[in-house]
Amino acid sequence: MRKQIHDNPIDHGRACALSHGTWRRVGAKLACAGACALMAGQLLLPSVALAAEWVNVGGTQYSKAAGDDAGTWSWDGADDMKLSGYDGGSIGAKGNLTIDVTGTNTITADAGQSAIAVKNGNLAITGDGTLNATAQTDVIAAEGDGNAGGDVTISGANVNVTASGAVNKATGIRATAGSVTIDKGADVKIEAKSAEGSWRPAEGIYGIFADNVPNRHTAQEGEQEEPDYVSVHGGDVTIDAANLSIKTADAWQVSACINTVGIKKNPLMKIVNGADVALSAGSAASLSAGISARSQSGAVWMLVEESNLTSRSLSAANGIDAARNQSFGIMADANTGSETPRIKIRKSKIEASGATAGIYAINCNVATATLFRAAMIDLSWGESRGNAMITTPTDGAVRDVKKVVDTGKWPSSQ
């Protein structure tokens, strides 16, 4: 295992501040939600549909079984859609939708639209074909209500995702109040760019973004606006026996290949069962990370087992405010006084590099920062679990920074 850590000291206090400050800048909604939890009896939201109520293909909405004469797409009127040589505009649905792809299929979204978007349901892409999807942002997206839905699953298929960049953001796969799973031999490639002609890079650029925070539901006329709240569902990412490569461009604030966020939840990040993952994040003023897993009022658990992972990030480029930049190959950023956040690596080959640290774990618990709950990087050992070996790169260093740091602002265990 290779772990590259440059000699410049880590700004521990700012690492915790970044957890809070970046959320305020990039997603004020997320930070607000942590203080707006409701009692279960108050969550009077419609349940997620078992199957799609309707689909929209290339701008035309269908509420019963439909398809085109050429046979490039068909929908059974429930949760099953088939694509075979489809080349056209966006596909949307309300409720659960499974898209089976054969042959080569291309979806190109108009400005402001996703290539595939599911609301109040889960999206699954399956089959032995290829899907090429292009949109400005949220290219493949699913949105849940906080109780269910919002999951994106890609199984078996070859999927190429291109986020060409909107004014403020570019995201390849977006799971709102949901999780992302890539498994069963799928081969997924994601590239997230900055919009051409923009006077500065997008504020946030992400390959995969998953959280457990539902969007605000707009109040009808005369009704009281429903506040934000958090849910137990969503915010997990799993790569299981599959291939994944992600490249994100330079960003104004955050550039992250895989970004998971949990509020009052323990996000889980898994790369397992022979997965092969290659991540390359661009530079950004606040945070550049191959993997950024965060929790506000919760632990972060990350497992890499019997897999290969390369995760690289860049320090801020000139003109992007390099003085505030944090750059990590892999970062787990938790906030809990009752559990131990953990990055566990077992029988895997990892190359992780970043200007701040290759692999870094921190528990930003202000009230109960103790060594007992310090975040842990666990390199499994012993014949039954696999011997671990660290190879230090040239000009790199390996440090044990397990300690309590009190800057007077963000006490933390790391």
Protein backbone atom coordinates (compact mmCIF):
# COMPACT_ATOMS: atom_id res chain seq x y z
CA MET A 1 0.00 0.00 0.00
CA ARG A 2 1.32 3.41 -0.90
CA LYS A 3 0.58 6.38 1.24
CA GLN A 4 1.93 9.77 0.22
CA ILE A 5 2.02 12.50 2.86
CA HIS A 6 3.94 15.66 2.17
CA ASP A 7 5.81 17.45 4.90
CA ASN A 8 3.71 20.60 5.12
CA PRO A 9 1.77 20.50 8.43
CA ILE A 10 -1.95 19.79 8.43
CA ASP A 11 -4.11 22.65 9.63
CA HIS A 12 -6.15 20.52 12.03
CA GLY A 13 -8.41 23.27 13.22
CA ARG A 14 -9.22 24.34 9.69
CA ALA A 15 -9.87 20.75 8.66
CA CYS A 16 -12.80 20.74 11.07
CA ALA A 17 -13.80 24.27 10.15
CA LEU A 18 -13.85 23.17 6.55
CA SER A 19 -16.45 20.54 7.38
CA HIS A 20 -18.79 23.26 8.52
CA GLY A 21 -17.70 26.19 6.38
CA THR A 22 -17.72 24.30 3.10
CA TRP A 23 -21.22 23.02 3.77
CA ARG A 24 -22.35 26.60 4.30
CA ARG A 25 -20.76 27.76 1.06
CA VAL A 26 -21.55 24.82 -1.20
CA GLY A 27 -24.81 23.62 0.35
CA ALA A 28 -26.33 25.79 3.06
CA LYS A 29 -29.34 23.51 2.92
CA LEU A 30 -27.30 20.61 4.29
CA ALA A 31 -26.03 22.50 7.31
CA CYS A 32 -29.50 23.83 8.07
CA ALA A 33 -31.01 20.39 7.95
CA GLY A 34 -28.95 19.14 10.88
CA ALA A 35 -30.82 21.48 13.23
CA CYS A 36 -34.24 20.77 11.75
CA ALA A 37 -34.93 17.14 12.65
CA LEU A 38 -38.62 16.40 13.13
CA MET A 39 -40.46 13.79 15.12
CA ALA A 40 -41.52 10.78 13.06
CA GLY A 41 -45.17 11.69 13.44
CA GLN A 42 -44.52 15.01 11.75
CA LEU A 43 -43.12 13.50 8.55
CA LEU A 44 -46.38 13.68 6.69
CA LEU A 45 -44.91 13.05 3.27
CA PRO A 46 -46.29 10.96 0.42
CA SER A 47 -44.80 7.47 0.27
CA VAL A 48 -42.47 6.55 -2.55
CA ALA A 49 -44.22 4.89 -5.49
CA LEU A 50 -43.60 1.20 -6.09
CA ALA A 51 -43.42 1.76 -9.84
CA ALA A 52 -43.19 4.74 -12.14
CA GLU A 53 -46.45 6.64 -12.46
CA TRP A 54 -45.23 8.14 -15.70
CA VAL A 55 -42.13 8.46 -17.83
CA ASN A 56 -40.96 11.29 -20.02
CA VAL A 57 -38.93 10.42 -23.09
CA GLY A 58 -37.42 13.19 -25.19
CA GLY A 59 -39.93 15.74 -23.89
CA THR A 60 -43.11 13.65 -24.22
CA GLN A 61 -44.80 12.27 -21.11
CA TYR A 62 -46.47 8.84 -21.03
CA SER A 63 -48.74 7.49 -18.29
CA LYS A 64 -49.27 4.03 -19.78
CA ALA A 65 -47.14 1.48 -21.63
CA ALA A 66 -45.43 3.01 -24.64
CA GLY A 67 -42.48 2.81 -27.01
CA ASP A 68 -41.26 3.93 -30.43
CA ASP A 69 -41.82 2.19 -33.75
CA ALA A 70 -38.11 1.51 -34.22
CA GLY A 71 -37.92 -0.38 -30.94
CA THR A 72 -35.15 1.79 -29.50
CA TRP A 73 -37.13 2.26 -26.28
CA SER A 74 -40.12 0.73 -24.54
CA TRP A 75 -41.84 1.08 -21.18
CA ASP A 76 -44.18 -1.49 -19.66
CA GLY A 77 -46.28 1.07 -17.81
CA ALA A 78 -44.75 0.11 -14.46
CA ASP A 79 -41.08 0.03 -13.44
CA ASP A 80 -39.44 -1.60 -16.47
CA MET A 81 -37.90 0.31 -19.40
CA LYS A 82 -35.74 -1.10 -22.18
CA LEU A 83 -33.26 0.79 -24.36
CA SER A 84 -31.78 -0.78 -27.49
CA GLY A 85 -29.93 1.61 -29.77
CA TYR A 86 -31.66 4.67 -28.32
CA ASP A 87 -30.19 8.03 -29.38
CA GLY A 88 -32.21 10.94 -28.11
CA GLY A 89 -33.16 13.34 -25.36
CA SER A 90 -33.66 13.09 -21.61
CA ILE A 91 -35.56 10.35 -19.82
CA GLY A 92 -37.46 11.13 -16.62
CA ALA A 93 -39.86 9.30 -14.32
CA LYS A 94 -41.85 9.60 -11.13
CA GLY A 95 -41.44 6.45 -9.05
CA ASN A 96 -39.11 3.46 -9.29
CA LEU A 97 -37.61 2.77 -12.71
CA THR A 98 -35.29 0.03 -14.00
CA ILE A 99 -33.65 0.68 -17.36
CA ASP A 100 -32.24 -2.37 -19.15
CA VAL A 101 -29.73 -1.46 -21.88
CA THR A 102 -28.64 -3.53 -24.85
CA GLY A 103 -26.39 -2.35 -27.67
CA THR A 104 -25.14 1.23 -27.60
CA ASN A 105 -27.44 3.95 -26.29
CA THR A 106 -26.88 7.71 -26.13
CA ILE A 107 -28.80 10.27 -24.09
CA THR A 108 -27.99 13.95 -24.57
CA ALA A 109 -29.84 16.37 -22.33
CA ASP A 110 -30.83 19.93 -23.12
CA ALA A 111 -29.47 22.72 -20.93
CA GLY A 112 -30.83 22.55 -17.40
CA GLN A 113 -31.97 18.93 -17.66
CA SER A 114 -30.58 15.61 -16.46
CA ALA A 115 -29.95 12.81 -18.93
CA ILE A 116 -31.90 10.46 -16.62
CA ALA A 117 -33.81 11.74 -13.59
CA VAL A 118 -36.14 9.88 -11.21
CA LYS A 119 -38.19 11.63 -8.53
CA ASN A 120 -39.76 9.89 -5.53
CA GLY A 121 -38.17 6.59 -6.48
CA ASN A 122 -35.08 4.51 -7.15
CA LEU A 123 -33.22 4.26 -10.44
CA ALA A 124 -31.52 1.06 -11.61
CA ILE A 125 -29.51 0.70 -14.83
CA THR A 126 -28.90 -2.92 -15.83
CA GLY A 127 -28.06 -5.07 -18.85
CA ASP A 128 -25.05 -5.97 -20.98
CA GLY A 129 -25.11 -2.89 -23.22
CA THR A 130 -23.57 0.57 -23.12
CA LEU A 131 -25.16 3.83 -22.03
CA ASN A 132 -23.57 7.19 -22.88
CA ALA A 133 -25.17 10.01 -20.87
CA THR A 134 -24.35 13.71 -21.16
CA ALA A 135 -25.82 16.73 -19.36
CA GLN A 136 -24.60 19.92 -17.75
CA THR A 137 -24.98 18.54 -14.21
CA ASP A 138 -26.81 15.81 -12.26
CA VAL A 139 -26.42 13.68 -15.37
CA ILE A 140 -27.90 10.56 -13.74
CA ALA A 141 -30.03 11.48 -10.73
CA ALA A 142 -32.54 10.06 -8.28
CA GLU A 143 -34.39 11.86 -5.51
CA GLY A 144 -35.99 10.27 -2.47
CA ASP A 145 -38.36 11.65 0.14
CA GLY A 146 -36.16 10.75 3.11
CA ASN A 147 -37.92 7.49 3.92
CA ALA A 148 -37.24 5.62 0.69
CA GLY A 149 -36.18 6.26 -2.89
CA GLY A 150 -33.23 8.29 -4.11
CA ASP A 151 -30.98 5.28 -4.80
CA VAL A 152 -28.96 4.92 -8.00
CA THR A 153 -27.80 1.39 -8.87
CA ILE A 154 -25.73 0.41 -11.91
CA SER A 155 -25.41 -3.36 -12.36
CA GLY A 156 -23.51 -5.07 -15.16
CA ALA A 157 -23.85 -2.29 -17.74
CA ASN A 158 -21.16 -0.08 -19.26
CA VAL A 159 -22.05 3.52 -18.40
CA ASN A 160 -20.18 6.63 -19.54
CA VAL A 161 -21.22 9.83 -17.78
CA THR A 162 -20.19 13.32 -18.85
CA ALA A 163 -21.13 16.41 -16.83
CA SER A 164 -20.26 19.29 -19.14
CA GLY A 165 -20.72 21.85 -16.37
CA ALA A 166 -23.37 24.36 -15.36
CA VAL A 167 -22.68 27.85 -14.03
CA ASN A 168 -22.18 26.81 -10.39
CA LYS A 169 -21.80 23.04 -10.39
CA ALA A 170 -21.13 19.84 -12.28
CA THR A 171 -22.13 16.45 -10.88
CA GLY A 172 -22.04 13.11 -12.67
CA ILE A 173 -24.25 10.87 -10.50
CA ARG A 174 -26.46 12.51 -7.85
CA ALA A 175 -28.41 10.61 -5.18
CA THR A 176 -30.53 12.99 -3.10
CA ALA A 177 -31.59 11.31 0.16
CA GLY A 178 -30.28 8.13 -1.43
CA SER A 179 -27.25 5.91 -1.97
CA VAL A 180 -25.16 4.88 -4.98
CA THR A 181 -24.27 1.25 -5.78
CA ILE A 182 -22.14 0.05 -8.70
CA ASP A 183 -21.90 -3.73 -8.84
CA LYS A 184 -22.06 -7.04 -10.74
CA GLY A 185 -19.25 -6.30 -13.18
CA ALA A 186 -20.43 -2.85 -14.20
CA ASP A 187 -17.88 -0.56 -15.86
CA VAL A 188 -18.57 3.10 -15.09
CA LYS A 189 -16.60 6.12 -16.29
CA ILE A 190 -17.42 9.63 -15.07
CA GLU A 191 -15.97 12.96 -16.12
CA ALA A 192 -17.18 16.20 -14.51
CA LYS A 193 -16.03 19.43 -16.13
CA SER A 194 -16.34 23.19 -15.74
CA ALA A 195 -18.63 24.92 -18.19
CA GLU A 196 -16.82 26.28 -21.22
CA GLY A 197 -16.61 30.04 -21.43
CA SER A 198 -17.27 30.59 -17.72
CA TRP A 199 -15.20 33.35 -16.13
CA ARG A 200 -14.25 31.03 -13.27
CA PRO A 201 -14.56 27.30 -12.49
CA ALA A 202 -17.83 25.97 -11.08
CA GLU A 203 -18.21 26.26 -7.31
CA GLY A 204 -18.50 22.51 -6.76
CA ILE A 205 -17.56 19.64 -9.10
CA TYR A 206 -18.35 16.04 -8.13
CA GLY A 207 -18.20 12.65 -9.81
CA ILE A 208 -20.60 10.94 -7.37
CA PHE A 209 -22.55 12.88 -4.71
CA ALA A 210 -24.77 11.02 -2.22
CA ASP A 211 -26.41 12.39 0.94
CA ASN A 212 -29.29 11.68 3.32
CA VAL A 213 -30.94 15.10 3.08
CA PRO A 214 -34.22 15.37 1.13
CA ASN A 215 -34.89 18.50 -0.88
CA ARG A 216 -37.30 21.03 0.55
CA HIS A 217 -40.84 20.35 -0.61
CA THR A 218 -42.39 23.53 -1.96
CA ALA A 219 -45.48 24.61 -0.04
CA GLN A 220 -48.74 24.99 -1.92
CA GLU A 221 -50.50 28.34 -1.77
CA GLY A 222 -51.90 28.94 1.70
CA GLU A 223 -49.85 26.15 3.30
CA GLN A 224 -46.98 26.52 5.72
CA GLU A 225 -43.61 25.79 4.14
CA GLU A 226 -42.25 22.43 5.20
CA PRO A 227 -38.87 22.73 6.94
CA ASP A 228 -35.77 20.77 5.99
CA TYR A 229 -35.17 17.57 7.89
CA VAL A 230 -32.72 14.70 7.88
CA SER A 231 -33.38 11.01 7.30
CA VAL A 232 -31.72 7.71 8.10
CA HIS A 233 -31.73 6.72 4.43
CA GLY A 234 -29.04 7.67 1.94
CA GLY A 235 -25.48 8.91 1.89
CA ASP A 236 -23.79 5.54 1.26
CA VAL A 237 -21.60 4.57 -1.73
CA THR A 238 -20.74 0.95 -2.63
CA ILE A 239 -18.47 -0.29 -5.42
CA ASP A 240 -18.78 -4.08 -5.41
CA ALA A 241 -17.02 -6.28 -7.99
CA ALA A 242 -17.10 -3.47 -10.53
CA ASN A 243 -14.84 -0.96 -12.30
CA LEU A 244 -15.09 2.78 -11.68
CA SER A 245 -13.01 5.68 -12.95
CA ILE A 246 -13.73 9.33 -12.17
CA LYS A 247 -12.03 12.55 -13.19
CA THR A 248 -13.17 15.92 -11.84
CA ALA A 249 -11.99 19.30 -13.11
CA ASP A 250 -10.65 22.26 -11.14
CA ALA A 251 -13.35 23.93 -9.05
CA TRP A 252 -13.76 27.24 -7.25
CA GLN A 253 -14.54 25.62 -3.87
CA VAL A 254 -14.69 21.80 -3.96
CA SER A 255 -13.55 19.16 -6.45
CA ALA A 256 -14.27 15.60 -5.27
CA CYS A 257 -14.56 12.34 -7.17
CA ILE A 258 -16.71 10.59 -4.54
CA ASN A 259 -18.51 12.77 -2.01
CA THR A 260 -20.75 11.33 0.71
CA VAL A 261 -22.52 13.44 3.32
CA GLY A 262 -24.53 12.29 6.31
CA ILE A 263 -26.30 14.37 8.94
CA LYS A 264 -27.12 12.50 12.16
CA LYS A 265 -26.16 9.35 10.25
CA ASN A 266 -23.09 7.12 9.80
CA PRO A 267 -22.26 7.19 6.07
CA LEU A 268 -20.77 3.96 4.72
CA MET A 269 -18.25 3.86 1.88
CA LYS A 270 -17.34 0.38 0.53
CA ILE A 271 -14.97 -0.76 -2.23
CA VAL A 272 -15.06 -4.54 -2.11
CA ASN A 273 -14.85 -7.93 -3.87
CA GLY A 274 -12.26 -7.22 -6.52
CA ALA A 275 -13.41 -3.72 -7.40
CA ASP A 276 -10.99 -1.61 -9.44
CA VAL A 277 -11.34 2.13 -8.75
CA ALA A 278 -9.29 5.02 -10.15
CA LEU A 279 -10.02 8.57 -8.95
CA SER A 280 -8.41 11.87 -9.98
CA ALA A 281 -9.71 15.12 -8.46
CA GLY A 282 -8.86 18.58 -9.73
CA SER A 283 -7.65 21.47 -7.63
CA ALA A 284 -9.97 23.71 -5.61
CA ALA A 285 -9.74 26.57 -3.13
CA SER A 286 -11.28 24.72 -0.17
CA LEU A 287 -11.17 20.97 -0.77
CA SER A 288 -9.76 18.61 -3.35
CA ALA A 289 -10.35 14.92 -2.65
CA GLY A 290 -10.49 11.60 -4.41
CA ILE A 291 -12.84 10.40 -1.65
CA SER A 292 -14.49 12.76 0.82
CA ALA A 293 -16.76 11.02 3.36
CA ARG A 294 -18.33 13.31 5.95
CA SER A 295 -20.81 13.15 8.78
CA GLN A 296 -22.29 15.86 10.93
CA SER A 297 -23.33 14.30 14.27
CA GLY A 298 -22.26 10.81 13.23
CA ALA A 299 -19.36 8.49 12.45
CA VAL A 300 -17.87 7.67 9.05
CA TRP A 301 -17.12 4.05 8.16
CA MET A 302 -15.01 3.20 5.12
CA LEU A 303 -13.98 -0.28 3.97
CA VAL A 304 -11.60 -1.22 1.14
CA GLU A 305 -11.38 -5.01 0.92
CA GLU A 306 -9.74 -7.26 -1.68
CA SER A 307 -9.76 -4.43 -4.22
CA ASN A 308 -7.54 -1.93 -6.01
CA LEU A 309 -7.89 1.80 -5.38
CA THR A 310 -5.96 4.75 -6.77
CA SER A 311 -7.14 8.07 -5.32
CA ARG A 312 -5.35 11.31 -6.16
CA SER A 313 -6.07 14.96 -5.54
CA LEU A 314 -4.37 18.21 -6.45
CA SER A 315 -3.49 21.25 -4.38
CA ALA A 316 -5.00 24.57 -5.35
CA ALA A 317 -3.76 26.04 -8.58
CA ASN A 318 -2.39 29.58 -8.74
CA GLY A 319 -5.23 32.07 -8.54
CA ILE A 320 -7.66 29.70 -6.77
CA ASP A 321 -6.58 30.70 -3.26
CA ALA A 322 -3.99 28.04 -2.46
CA ALA A 323 -3.63 29.31 1.13
CA ARG A 324 -6.99 27.81 2.16
CA ASN A 325 -6.76 24.58 0.20
CA GLN A 326 -6.94 21.11 1.76
CA SER A 327 -6.01 18.22 -0.54
CA PHE A 328 -6.56 14.55 0.35
CA GLY A 329 -6.46 11.26 -1.49
CA ILE A 330 -8.91 9.76 1.02
CA MET A 331 -10.56 11.70 3.84
CA ALA A 332 -13.02 10.56 6.53
CA ASP A 333 -14.41 13.53 8.47
CA ALA A 334 -16.71 12.58 11.37
CA ASN A 335 -18.37 14.25 14.34
CA THR A 336 -19.28 11.81 17.10
CA GLY A 337 -18.56 11.28 20.77
CA SER A 338 -20.02 7.78 21.03
CA GLU A 339 -18.45 5.82 18.15
CA THR A 340 -15.05 5.38 16.49
CA PRO A 341 -14.88 6.60 12.88
CA ARG A 342 -12.78 4.16 10.89
CA ILE A 343 -11.06 3.64 7.56
CA LYS A 344 -10.39 -0.09 7.26
CA ILE A 345 -8.12 -1.50 4.55
CA ARG A 346 -7.94 -5.27 4.11
CA LYS A 347 -6.05 -7.28 1.45
CA SER A 348 -6.05 -4.37 -0.99
CA LYS A 349 -3.61 -2.34 -3.03
CA ILE A 350 -4.02 1.39 -2.53
CA GLU A 351 -2.19 4.41 -3.88
CA ALA A 352 -3.43 7.59 -2.21
CA SER A 353 -1.91 11.03 -2.67
CA GLY A 354 -2.75 14.59 -1.71
CA ALA A 355 -0.87 17.78 -0.93
CA THR A 356 -2.17 17.71 2.66
CA ALA A 357 -2.35 13.95 3.22
CA GLY A 358 -2.72 10.72 1.30
CA ILE A 359 -5.11 9.11 3.82
CA TYR A 360 -6.55 11.16 6.67
CA ALA A 361 -9.21 10.52 9.32
CA ILE A 362 -10.53 13.04 11.82
CA ASN A 363 -13.26 13.22 14.45
CA CYS A 364 -14.33 16.83 14.91
CA ASN A 365 -16.34 16.33 18.09
CA VAL A 366 -16.17 19.60 19.96
CA ALA A 367 -17.62 18.50 23.31
CA THR A 368 -15.97 15.12 23.81
CA ALA A 369 -12.73 15.13 21.84
CA THR A 370 -10.79 12.21 23.33
CA LEU A 371 -8.21 9.75 22.13
CA PHE A 372 -10.66 6.96 22.90
CA ARG A 373 -12.90 8.10 20.04
CA ALA A 374 -10.15 9.33 17.75
CA ALA A 375 -10.71 8.44 14.12
CA MET A 376 -8.82 5.29 13.14
CA ILE A 377 -7.01 4.08 10.02
CA ASP A 378 -7.06 0.29 10.39
CA LEU A 379 -4.55 -1.70 8.33
CA SER A 380 -5.62 -5.30 8.88
CA TRP A 381 -2.87 -7.71 9.89
CA GLY A 382 -2.27 -11.41 10.49
CA GLU A 383 -2.39 -14.32 8.07
CA SER A 384 -6.14 -14.71 8.32
CA ARG A 385 -6.75 -11.07 7.53
CA GLY A 386 -3.83 -10.20 5.26
CA ASN A 387 -0.50 -8.56 6.10
CA ALA A 388 -0.26 -4.83 5.41
CA MET A 389 2.82 -3.04 4.12
CA ILE A 390 3.28 0.68 3.60
CA THR A 391 5.61 1.93 0.88
CA THR A 392 6.62 5.53 1.44
CA PRO A 393 6.98 7.52 -1.78
CA THR A 394 9.95 9.76 -2.48
CA ASP A 395 9.67 13.00 -0.48
CA GLY A 396 6.71 11.52 1.41
CA ALA A 397 6.27 10.60 5.07
CA VAL A 398 4.11 8.36 7.24
CA ARG A 399 2.91 9.88 10.49
CA ASP A 400 0.83 8.75 13.42
CA VAL A 401 -1.08 11.90 14.35
CA LYS A 402 -3.47 10.28 16.81
CA LYS A 403 -3.95 13.05 19.32
CA VAL A 404 -6.36 15.63 20.63
CA VAL A 405 -5.94 19.02 19.01
CA ASP A 406 -7.53 22.06 20.65
CA THR A 407 -7.17 25.17 18.56
CA GLY A 408 -9.66 27.05 20.70
CA LYS A 409 -12.16 26.78 17.86
CA TRP A 410 -12.57 23.17 16.71
CA PRO A 411 -11.25 20.62 19.24
CA SER A 412 -10.80 17.30 17.48
CA SER A 413 -9.44 13.77 17.72
CA GLN A 414 -7.49 12.55 14.73
